[in-house]
Amino acid sequence: MSWLLQPVDWQESRGFAHGVVARGRLVFTAGQIGWDERNRIHSRNLVDQVRQALRNVLAILAEAGGGPEHIVRLTWFITDKSEYKEQQKEIGEVYREVMGYHYPAMSVLVVAGLIEDDAKVEIEATAVVPDET
């Protein structure tokens, strides 16, 4: 179970939460890039890689019995700020397609590169799945 934290005097955020408080089992994913289950990147397109990286996060989370609604934090690492900003609308559409309308606390960091040369984005998640009863 989680709750979004929104200070009263703060402007409401769009597409992310300022903070989250939760109770349950913690699940942490490794950073996921836009490759498939065989570690193959099929597209050099940022939006396609975001879609696949988010699907990978959800596949791992499902192994713990969780879904997108259990994610309390996402950290995105991107290699090109301009490309990200230019495609922000499409990235938002893909986010909603895969994750629905659940917006946890998020950070986006611009990095010089990722370990896989063709990767443009890496996303890691923290989730809180309700305790099993």
Protein backbone atom coordinates (compact mmCIF):
# COMPACT_ATOMS: atom_id res chain seq x y z
CA MET A 1 0.00 0.00 0.00
CA SER A 2 1.43 3.40 -0.92
CA TRP A 3 0.44 7.04 -0.71
CA LEU A 4 1.66 9.99 -2.72
CA LEU A 5 3.21 12.89 -0.83
CA GLN A 6 2.13 16.32 -2.02
CA PRO A 7 3.06 19.31 0.17
CA VAL A 8 0.04 21.63 0.43
CA ASP A 9 1.75 24.76 -0.88
CA TRP A 10 3.52 23.03 -3.79
CA GLN A 11 2.29 23.05 -7.35
CA GLU A 12 1.06 19.60 -8.34
CA SER A 13 3.60 17.70 -10.44
CA ARG A 14 2.85 16.30 -13.89
CA GLY A 15 3.95 12.77 -14.69
CA PHE A 16 5.65 12.01 -11.37
CA ALA A 17 5.10 12.19 -7.62
CA HIS A 18 7.17 14.41 -5.33
CA GLY A 19 7.33 11.54 -2.85
CA VAL A 20 5.76 8.24 -1.85
CA VAL A 21 5.32 6.46 1.46
CA ALA A 22 4.62 2.72 1.35
CA ARG A 23 4.37 -0.45 3.39
CA GLY A 24 5.14 -4.01 2.19
CA ARG A 25 7.93 -6.10 0.63
CA LEU A 26 10.64 -4.09 -1.11
CA VAL A 27 11.57 -5.06 -4.66
CA PHE A 28 14.54 -3.49 -6.45
CA THR A 29 15.26 -4.00 -10.13
CA ALA A 30 18.59 -3.65 -11.83
CA GLY A 31 18.73 -1.00 -14.51
CA GLN A 32 16.78 -2.21 -17.54
CA ILE A 33 17.59 -1.18 -21.08
CA GLY A 34 15.65 -1.60 -24.30
CA TRP A 35 16.66 -5.14 -25.06
CA ASP A 36 14.63 -8.32 -25.22
CA GLU A 37 14.89 -11.50 -23.14
CA ARG A 38 17.84 -12.63 -25.30
CA ASN A 39 19.74 -9.36 -24.68
CA ARG A 40 19.16 -8.03 -28.20
CA ILE A 41 18.38 -4.38 -28.89
CA HIS A 42 15.98 -4.25 -31.84
CA SER A 43 15.69 -0.49 -32.26
CA ARG A 44 17.93 2.56 -32.01
CA ASN A 45 14.80 4.68 -31.44
CA LEU A 46 14.60 6.15 -27.92
CA VAL A 47 10.83 5.72 -27.62
CA ASP A 48 11.04 2.05 -28.61
CA GLN A 49 13.82 1.51 -26.08
CA VAL A 50 11.78 3.20 -23.32
CA ARG A 51 8.83 0.90 -24.12
CA GLN A 52 11.01 -2.21 -23.90
CA ALA A 53 12.86 -1.06 -20.77
CA LEU A 54 9.54 -0.44 -18.98
CA ARG A 55 8.23 -3.83 -20.11
CA ASN A 56 11.39 -5.40 -18.71
CA VAL A 57 10.87 -3.64 -15.36
CA LEU A 58 7.31 -4.99 -15.20
CA ALA A 59 8.41 -8.53 -16.11
CA ILE A 60 10.86 -8.55 -13.20
CA LEU A 61 8.30 -7.03 -10.86
CA ALA A 62 5.75 -9.69 -11.84
CA GLU A 63 8.18 -12.32 -10.52
CA ALA A 64 7.59 -10.79 -7.06
CA GLY A 65 3.83 -10.68 -7.56
CA GLY A 66 3.78 -6.98 -8.32
CA GLY A 67 2.51 -4.67 -11.00
CA PRO A 68 3.05 -1.07 -12.07
CA GLU A 69 0.86 0.19 -9.22
CA HIS A 70 3.47 -1.10 -6.73
CA ILE A 71 6.34 0.98 -8.15
CA VAL A 72 7.29 3.78 -5.77
CA ARG A 73 10.38 5.09 -7.56
CA LEU A 74 11.84 5.06 -11.07
CA THR A 75 15.29 6.33 -11.97
CA TRP A 76 15.96 6.94 -15.65
CA PHE A 77 19.44 7.31 -17.13
CA ILE A 78 19.43 8.85 -20.62
CA THR A 79 22.30 9.52 -22.98
CA ASP A 80 20.85 12.50 -24.89
CA LYS A 81 18.89 15.26 -23.13
CA SER A 82 17.85 16.93 -26.39
CA GLU A 83 16.51 13.72 -27.88
CA TYR A 84 14.59 13.00 -24.66
CA LYS A 85 13.02 16.47 -24.58
CA GLU A 86 12.16 16.36 -28.30
CA GLN A 87 10.37 13.02 -27.85
CA GLN A 88 8.85 13.71 -24.42
CA LYS A 89 5.26 13.56 -25.73
CA GLU A 90 5.82 10.16 -27.35
CA ILE A 91 7.67 8.92 -24.27
CA GLY A 92 4.68 9.96 -22.15
CA GLU A 93 2.34 8.06 -24.47
CA VAL A 94 4.50 4.93 -24.25
CA TYR A 95 4.74 5.31 -20.48
CA ARG A 96 0.93 5.33 -20.17
CA GLU A 97 0.65 2.42 -22.63
CA VAL A 98 2.92 0.23 -20.50
CA MET A 99 2.49 1.62 -16.97
CA GLY A 100 -0.99 3.09 -17.04
CA TYR A 101 -1.63 6.24 -15.08
CA HIS A 102 0.54 5.40 -12.09
CA TYR A 103 3.19 8.06 -11.53
CA PRO A 104 5.71 7.26 -8.76
CA ALA A 105 8.59 9.43 -7.63
CA MET A 106 10.97 9.74 -10.61
CA SER A 107 14.35 11.13 -11.50
CA VAL A 108 15.94 11.48 -14.94
CA LEU A 109 19.72 11.73 -15.16
CA VAL A 110 21.76 12.52 -18.25
CA VAL A 111 24.82 10.28 -18.48
CA ALA A 112 27.80 10.20 -20.83
CA GLY A 113 27.01 6.65 -21.88
CA LEU A 114 25.67 3.27 -20.86
CA ILE A 115 27.50 -0.06 -20.76
CA GLU A 116 25.66 -1.35 -23.86
CA ASP A 117 26.76 0.88 -26.74
CA ASP A 118 23.36 0.90 -28.51
CA ALA A 119 21.37 1.65 -25.33
CA LYS A 120 19.89 5.15 -25.06
CA VAL A 121 17.99 4.70 -21.79
CA GLU A 122 18.30 2.61 -18.64
CA ILE A 123 15.49 2.49 -16.08
CA GLU A 124 15.67 1.06 -12.57
CA ALA A 125 12.72 0.65 -10.23
CA THR A 126 11.92 0.33 -6.57
CA ALA A 127 8.57 -1.23 -5.72
CA VAL A 128 6.68 -2.09 -2.56
CA VAL A 129 4.51 -5.17 -3.02
CA PRO A 130 1.90 -5.80 -0.32
CA ASP A 131 2.88 -8.37 2.29
CA GLU A 132 1.57 -11.84 1.58
CA THR A 133 -1.13 -12.92 3.99
